[in-house]
C-alpha cells in the first residue's frame, strides 16, 4: 500500500471514530470549534495547505445534511483536541458559484464526505 493510500485509510478511520464519538456524546466540549467553511474562492488554496482534510459537500435544505451538521460540529471539536492535523470543512453546493466544485469532485448526492 502506498504512503498516500495508507494515510487516507488512517484519516478515514479517524473520521469514522470522531463521528461515532460525537454521535455517542461521550466527549463534551466546553469550547465551540467551527467547521471550516469553504467555497469556490478558497477551496483549492485551503485544501492544499493541509495534509488531511475531510470536506462535507452539503445543501442547507437537505434533511440528512442538517442531521450530519450537528455531529460534524462535535467531531470538529474532538478532532482539534485529539487529532490536530485533521481538519474538517464543508462546502454549500446549493450556492450557484460552488456547484462546479461539486461537479468537479463527483458529488451526486448530499451529504457527501470527501477526504483530501
N, C-alpha and C. Protein backbone atom coordinates (compact mmCIF):
# COMPACT_ATOMS: atom_id res chain seq x y z
N UNK A 1 0.87 -1.18 0.00
CA UNK A 1 0.00 0.00 0.00
C UNK A 1 0.90 1.23 0.00
N UNK A 2 0.62 2.19 -0.85
CA UNK A 2 1.43 3.39 -0.92
C UNK A 2 1.21 4.25 0.31
N UNK A 3 2.14 5.17 0.54
CA UNK A 3 2.02 6.07 1.69
C UNK A 3 0.75 6.88 1.66
N UNK A 4 0.37 7.39 0.49
CA UNK A 4 -0.84 8.20 0.39
C UNK A 4 -2.08 7.36 0.67
N UNK A 5 -2.14 6.16 0.11
CA UNK A 5 -3.30 5.29 0.34
C UNK A 5 -3.40 4.93 1.81
N UNK A 6 -2.27 4.63 2.44
CA UNK A 6 -2.27 4.31 3.87
C UNK A 6 -2.74 5.49 4.69
N UNK A 7 -2.28 6.69 4.34
CA UNK A 7 -2.70 7.89 5.06
C UNK A 7 -4.19 8.13 4.90
N UNK A 8 -4.73 7.89 3.73
CA UNK A 8 -6.16 8.08 3.50
C UNK A 8 -6.96 7.10 4.34
N UNK A 9 -6.49 5.86 4.44
CA UNK A 9 -7.16 4.87 5.28
C UNK A 9 -7.14 5.31 6.73
N UNK A 10 -6.00 5.79 7.20
CA UNK A 10 -5.87 6.25 8.59
C UNK A 10 -6.81 7.42 8.85
N UNK A 11 -6.83 8.40 7.97
CA UNK A 11 -7.70 9.56 8.15
C UNK A 11 -9.17 9.13 8.10
N UNK A 12 -9.50 8.21 7.23
CA UNK A 12 -10.88 7.70 7.17
C UNK A 12 -11.29 7.06 8.48
N UNK A 13 -10.39 6.28 9.06
CA UNK A 13 -10.69 5.65 10.34
C UNK A 13 -10.83 6.68 11.45
N UNK A 14 -9.97 7.68 11.44
CA UNK A 14 -10.07 8.75 12.44
C UNK A 14 -11.40 9.46 12.30
N UNK A 15 -11.79 9.80 11.08
CA UNK A 15 -13.06 10.50 10.85
C UNK A 15 -14.24 9.66 11.32
N UNK A 16 -14.22 8.37 11.00
CA UNK A 16 -15.31 7.48 11.47
C UNK A 16 -15.35 7.44 12.98
N UNK A 17 -14.18 7.36 13.62
CA UNK A 17 -14.13 7.35 15.08
C UNK A 17 -14.67 8.65 15.66
N UNK A 18 -14.29 9.76 15.07
CA UNK A 18 -14.75 11.06 15.56
C UNK A 18 -16.26 11.18 15.45
N UNK A 19 -16.81 10.78 14.32
CA UNK A 19 -18.25 10.87 14.14
C UNK A 19 -18.99 9.93 15.08
N UNK A 20 -18.41 8.75 15.34
CA UNK A 20 -19.03 7.81 16.28
C UNK A 20 -19.01 8.37 17.69
N UNK A 21 -17.88 8.91 18.11
CA UNK A 21 -17.77 9.50 19.45
C UNK A 21 -18.70 10.69 19.58
N UNK A 22 -18.74 11.53 18.55
CA UNK A 22 -19.60 12.72 18.60
C UNK A 22 -21.06 12.32 18.69
N UNK A 23 -21.47 11.31 17.94
CA UNK A 23 -22.86 10.87 17.98
C UNK A 23 -23.21 10.26 19.33
N UNK A 24 -22.23 9.60 19.94
CA UNK A 24 -22.43 8.98 21.24
C UNK A 24 -22.51 10.03 22.35
N UNK A 25 -21.87 11.17 22.14
CA UNK A 25 -21.87 12.22 23.16
C UNK A 25 -20.91 11.92 24.30
N UNK A 26 -19.98 10.98 24.09
CA UNK A 26 -19.06 10.60 25.15
C UNK A 26 -18.10 11.71 25.53
N UNK A 27 -17.80 12.57 24.62
CA UNK A 27 -16.87 13.65 24.90
C UNK A 27 -17.61 14.97 24.74
N UNK A 28 -17.65 15.73 25.78
CA UNK A 28 -18.29 17.04 25.74
C UNK A 28 -17.22 18.10 25.53
N UNK A 29 -17.55 19.13 24.81
CA UNK A 29 -16.62 20.22 24.57
C UNK A 29 -17.10 21.48 25.26
N UNK A 30 -16.19 22.11 25.99
CA UNK A 30 -16.53 23.38 26.63
C UNK A 30 -16.35 24.53 25.65
N UNK A 31 -15.43 24.37 24.71
CA UNK A 31 -15.18 25.40 23.72
C UNK A 31 -15.88 25.00 22.43
N UNK A 32 -16.43 25.98 21.75
CA UNK A 32 -17.08 25.69 20.48
C UNK A 32 -16.05 25.84 19.36
N UNK A 33 -15.85 24.79 18.63
CA UNK A 33 -14.96 24.80 17.47
C UNK A 33 -15.85 24.86 16.24
N UNK A 34 -15.35 25.43 15.19
CA UNK A 34 -16.16 25.57 14.00
C UNK A 34 -15.56 24.81 12.83
N UNK A 35 -16.42 24.24 12.05
CA UNK A 35 -16.04 23.59 10.80
C UNK A 35 -15.58 24.69 9.86
N UNK A 36 -14.49 24.45 9.13
CA UNK A 36 -14.03 25.42 8.15
C UNK A 36 -15.04 25.51 7.01
N UNK A 37 -15.39 26.70 6.62
CA UNK A 37 -16.33 26.89 5.52
C UNK A 37 -15.55 27.21 4.26
N UNK A 38 -15.72 26.37 3.27
CA UNK A 38 -15.02 26.55 2.00
C UNK A 38 -16.01 26.94 0.91
N UNK A 39 -15.49 27.60 -0.11
CA UNK A 39 -16.30 27.93 -1.29
C UNK A 39 -15.38 27.96 -2.50
N UNK A 40 -15.91 28.36 -3.63
CA UNK A 40 -15.12 28.35 -4.87
C UNK A 40 -13.91 29.27 -4.81
N UNK A 41 -13.90 30.25 -3.92
CA UNK A 41 -12.77 31.19 -3.86
C UNK A 41 -11.62 30.70 -3.00
N UNK A 42 -11.88 29.79 -2.05
CA UNK A 42 -10.81 29.38 -1.14
C UNK A 42 -10.59 27.87 -1.07
N UNK A 43 -11.34 27.10 -1.83
CA UNK A 43 -11.28 25.64 -1.73
C UNK A 43 -9.89 25.09 -2.01
N UNK A 44 -9.37 25.33 -3.19
CA UNK A 44 -8.08 24.75 -3.60
C UNK A 44 -6.96 25.22 -2.68
N UNK A 45 -6.92 26.49 -2.38
CA UNK A 45 -5.87 27.03 -1.51
C UNK A 45 -5.93 26.40 -0.12
N UNK A 46 -7.11 26.30 0.46
CA UNK A 46 -7.26 25.75 1.81
C UNK A 46 -6.94 24.27 1.85
N UNK A 47 -7.47 23.51 0.91
CA UNK A 47 -7.22 22.07 0.89
C UNK A 47 -5.74 21.79 0.67
N UNK A 48 -5.08 22.56 -0.18
CA UNK A 48 -3.66 22.31 -0.46
C UNK A 48 -2.75 22.66 0.71
N UNK A 49 -3.22 23.47 1.65
CA UNK A 49 -2.42 23.83 2.83
C UNK A 49 -2.38 22.74 3.88
N UNK A 50 -3.31 21.79 3.81
CA UNK A 50 -3.43 20.77 4.85
C UNK A 50 -3.13 19.38 4.29
N UNK A 51 -2.46 18.57 5.10
CA UNK A 51 -2.16 17.21 4.67
C UNK A 51 -3.41 16.35 4.60
N UNK A 52 -4.33 16.53 5.55
CA UNK A 52 -5.55 15.73 5.61
C UNK A 52 -6.73 16.63 5.92
N UNK A 53 -7.72 16.55 5.07
CA UNK A 53 -8.93 17.34 5.31
C UNK A 53 -10.14 16.55 4.83
N UNK A 54 -11.14 16.46 5.70
CA UNK A 54 -12.42 15.87 5.32
C UNK A 54 -13.35 17.03 4.97
N UNK A 55 -13.95 16.96 3.80
CA UNK A 55 -14.84 18.02 3.34
C UNK A 55 -16.23 17.45 3.10
N UNK A 56 -17.20 18.08 3.73
CA UNK A 56 -18.60 17.70 3.53
C UNK A 56 -19.19 18.63 2.48
N UNK A 57 -19.73 18.04 1.42
CA UNK A 57 -20.46 18.80 0.42
C UNK A 57 -21.93 18.66 0.81
N UNK A 58 -22.60 19.78 1.06
CA UNK A 58 -23.96 19.73 1.59
C UNK A 58 -24.86 20.76 0.92
N UNK A 59 -26.16 20.57 1.14
CA UNK A 59 -27.17 21.55 0.73
C UNK A 59 -27.98 21.88 1.98
N UNK A 60 -28.21 23.15 2.27
CA UNK A 60 -28.89 23.54 3.51
C UNK A 60 -30.32 23.03 3.63
N UNK A 61 -30.97 22.70 2.53
CA UNK A 61 -32.35 22.21 2.55
C UNK A 61 -32.41 20.70 2.80
N UNK A 62 -31.28 20.02 2.76
CA UNK A 62 -31.22 18.56 2.88
C UNK A 62 -31.34 18.11 4.33
N UNK A 63 -32.33 17.27 4.63
CA UNK A 63 -32.54 16.78 5.99
C UNK A 63 -31.37 15.98 6.53
N UNK A 64 -30.78 15.12 5.70
CA UNK A 64 -29.62 14.34 6.14
C UNK A 64 -28.43 15.25 6.44
N UNK A 65 -28.29 16.31 5.65
CA UNK A 65 -27.21 17.27 5.87
C UNK A 65 -27.39 18.00 7.20
N UNK A 66 -28.62 18.37 7.50
CA UNK A 66 -28.91 19.06 8.77
C UNK A 66 -28.57 18.16 9.95
N UNK A 67 -28.90 16.89 9.85
CA UNK A 67 -28.61 15.95 10.93
C UNK A 67 -27.09 15.77 11.08
N UNK A 68 -26.40 15.60 9.96
CA UNK A 68 -24.95 15.42 10.00
C UNK A 68 -24.25 16.66 10.53
N UNK A 69 -24.78 17.84 10.26
CA UNK A 69 -24.12 19.09 10.67
C UNK A 69 -23.85 19.14 12.17
N UNK A 70 -24.79 18.68 12.97
CA UNK A 70 -24.61 18.68 14.42
C UNK A 70 -23.47 17.76 14.83
N UNK A 71 -23.43 16.57 14.26
CA UNK A 71 -22.38 15.60 14.60
C UNK A 71 -21.04 16.04 14.03
N UNK A 72 -21.05 16.65 12.88
CA UNK A 72 -19.83 17.12 12.24
C UNK A 72 -19.18 18.22 13.08
N UNK A 73 -20.00 19.10 13.63
CA UNK A 73 -19.51 20.17 14.51
C UNK A 73 -18.86 19.56 15.75
N UNK A 74 -19.50 18.56 16.34
CA UNK A 74 -18.93 17.88 17.51
C UNK A 74 -17.61 17.20 17.14
N UNK A 75 -17.59 16.55 15.99
CA UNK A 75 -16.38 15.86 15.54
C UNK A 75 -15.24 16.85 15.33
N UNK A 76 -15.54 18.04 14.85
CA UNK A 76 -14.52 19.06 14.67
C UNK A 76 -13.91 19.45 16.00
N UNK A 77 -14.74 19.59 17.00
CA UNK A 77 -14.25 19.93 18.34
C UNK A 77 -13.34 18.84 18.87
N UNK A 78 -13.75 17.59 18.71
CA UNK A 78 -12.94 16.46 19.17
C UNK A 78 -11.64 16.39 18.38
N UNK A 79 -11.73 16.55 17.08
CA UNK A 79 -10.56 16.49 16.21
C UNK A 79 -9.52 17.53 16.59
N UNK A 80 -9.94 18.73 16.88
CA UNK A 80 -8.99 19.80 17.19
C UNK A 80 -8.20 19.49 18.46
N UNK A 81 -8.78 18.72 19.36
CA UNK A 81 -8.10 18.37 20.61
C UNK A 81 -7.24 17.11 20.49
N UNK A 82 -7.74 16.11 19.78
CA UNK A 82 -7.07 14.81 19.75
C UNK A 82 -6.32 14.52 18.46
N UNK A 83 -6.71 15.13 17.37
CA UNK A 83 -6.07 14.92 16.07
C UNK A 83 -5.88 16.28 15.39
N UNK A 84 -4.97 17.10 15.90
CA UNK A 84 -4.85 18.47 15.39
C UNK A 84 -4.44 18.57 13.92
N UNK A 85 -3.93 17.50 13.34
CA UNK A 85 -3.54 17.57 11.92
C UNK A 85 -4.69 17.19 10.98
N UNK A 86 -5.85 16.85 11.55
CA UNK A 86 -7.02 16.50 10.74
C UNK A 86 -8.00 17.68 10.79
N UNK A 87 -8.36 18.19 9.63
CA UNK A 87 -9.26 19.33 9.55
C UNK A 87 -10.56 18.90 8.89
N UNK A 88 -11.67 19.44 9.40
CA UNK A 88 -12.98 19.17 8.83
C UNK A 88 -13.54 20.47 8.26
N UNK A 89 -14.08 20.38 7.07
CA UNK A 89 -14.60 21.56 6.39
C UNK A 89 -15.89 21.20 5.67
N UNK A 90 -16.58 22.22 5.17
CA UNK A 90 -17.77 21.96 4.37
C UNK A 90 -17.91 22.97 3.25
N UNK A 91 -18.71 22.59 2.27
CA UNK A 91 -18.99 23.43 1.11
C UNK A 91 -20.49 23.39 0.86
N UNK A 92 -21.12 24.56 0.81
CA UNK A 92 -22.54 24.67 0.49
C UNK A 92 -22.68 24.63 -1.03
N UNK A 93 -23.06 23.46 -1.55
CA UNK A 93 -23.17 23.32 -3.00
C UNK A 93 -24.50 23.81 -3.54
N UNK A 94 -25.34 24.30 -2.67
CA UNK A 94 -26.59 24.92 -3.10
C UNK A 94 -26.31 26.31 -3.69
N UNK A 95 -25.18 26.90 -3.30
CA UNK A 95 -24.78 28.20 -3.85
C UNK A 95 -24.31 27.98 -5.29
N UNK A 96 -24.85 28.73 -6.18
CA UNK A 96 -24.56 28.59 -7.61
C UNK A 96 -23.06 28.58 -7.90
N UNK A 97 -22.31 29.46 -7.26
CA UNK A 97 -20.87 29.57 -7.51
C UNK A 97 -20.10 28.33 -7.08
N UNK A 98 -20.66 27.53 -6.16
CA UNK A 98 -19.96 26.34 -5.65
C UNK A 98 -20.35 25.06 -6.38
N UNK A 99 -21.31 25.13 -7.27
CA UNK A 99 -21.79 23.91 -7.94
C UNK A 99 -20.72 23.26 -8.81
N UNK A 100 -19.81 24.06 -9.35
CA UNK A 100 -18.72 23.48 -10.14
C UNK A 100 -17.81 22.62 -9.29
N UNK A 101 -17.64 23.00 -8.01
CA UNK A 101 -16.83 22.17 -7.10
C UNK A 101 -17.47 20.80 -6.93
N UNK A 102 -18.76 20.77 -6.73
CA UNK A 102 -19.47 19.50 -6.56
C UNK A 102 -19.30 18.64 -7.81
N UNK A 103 -19.45 19.24 -8.96
CA UNK A 103 -19.31 18.52 -10.21
C UNK A 103 -17.88 18.01 -10.39
N UNK A 104 -16.92 18.86 -10.12
CA UNK A 104 -15.50 18.51 -10.27
C UNK A 104 -15.10 17.33 -9.41
N UNK A 105 -15.68 17.23 -8.21
CA UNK A 105 -15.31 16.16 -7.28
C UNK A 105 -16.32 15.02 -7.25
N UNK A 106 -17.19 14.96 -8.24
CA UNK A 106 -18.09 13.83 -8.39
C UNK A 106 -19.18 13.71 -7.35
N UNK A 107 -19.61 14.83 -6.81
CA UNK A 107 -20.68 14.82 -5.81
C UNK A 107 -22.01 14.66 -6.53
N UNK A 108 -22.76 13.61 -6.16
CA UNK A 108 -24.04 13.34 -6.82
C UNK A 108 -25.20 13.33 -5.84
N UNK A 109 -24.91 13.32 -4.55
CA UNK A 109 -25.95 13.32 -3.53
C UNK A 109 -25.44 14.04 -2.30
N UNK A 110 -26.35 14.35 -1.42
CA UNK A 110 -25.98 15.13 -0.23
C UNK A 110 -26.41 14.40 1.04
N UNK A 111 -25.62 14.47 2.07
CA UNK A 111 -24.26 14.99 2.13
C UNK A 111 -23.27 14.00 1.53
N UNK A 112 -22.16 14.51 1.03
CA UNK A 112 -21.06 13.69 0.54
C UNK A 112 -19.81 14.11 1.28
N UNK A 113 -19.08 13.15 1.83
CA UNK A 113 -17.81 13.42 2.50
C UNK A 113 -16.68 12.96 1.60
N UNK A 114 -15.72 13.84 1.40
CA UNK A 114 -14.53 13.52 0.62
C UNK A 114 -13.31 13.81 1.48
N UNK A 115 -12.31 12.96 1.35
CA UNK A 115 -11.07 13.16 2.10
C UNK A 115 -10.00 13.62 1.12
N UNK A 116 -9.34 14.71 1.48
CA UNK A 116 -8.27 15.28 0.66
C UNK A 116 -6.97 15.25 1.44
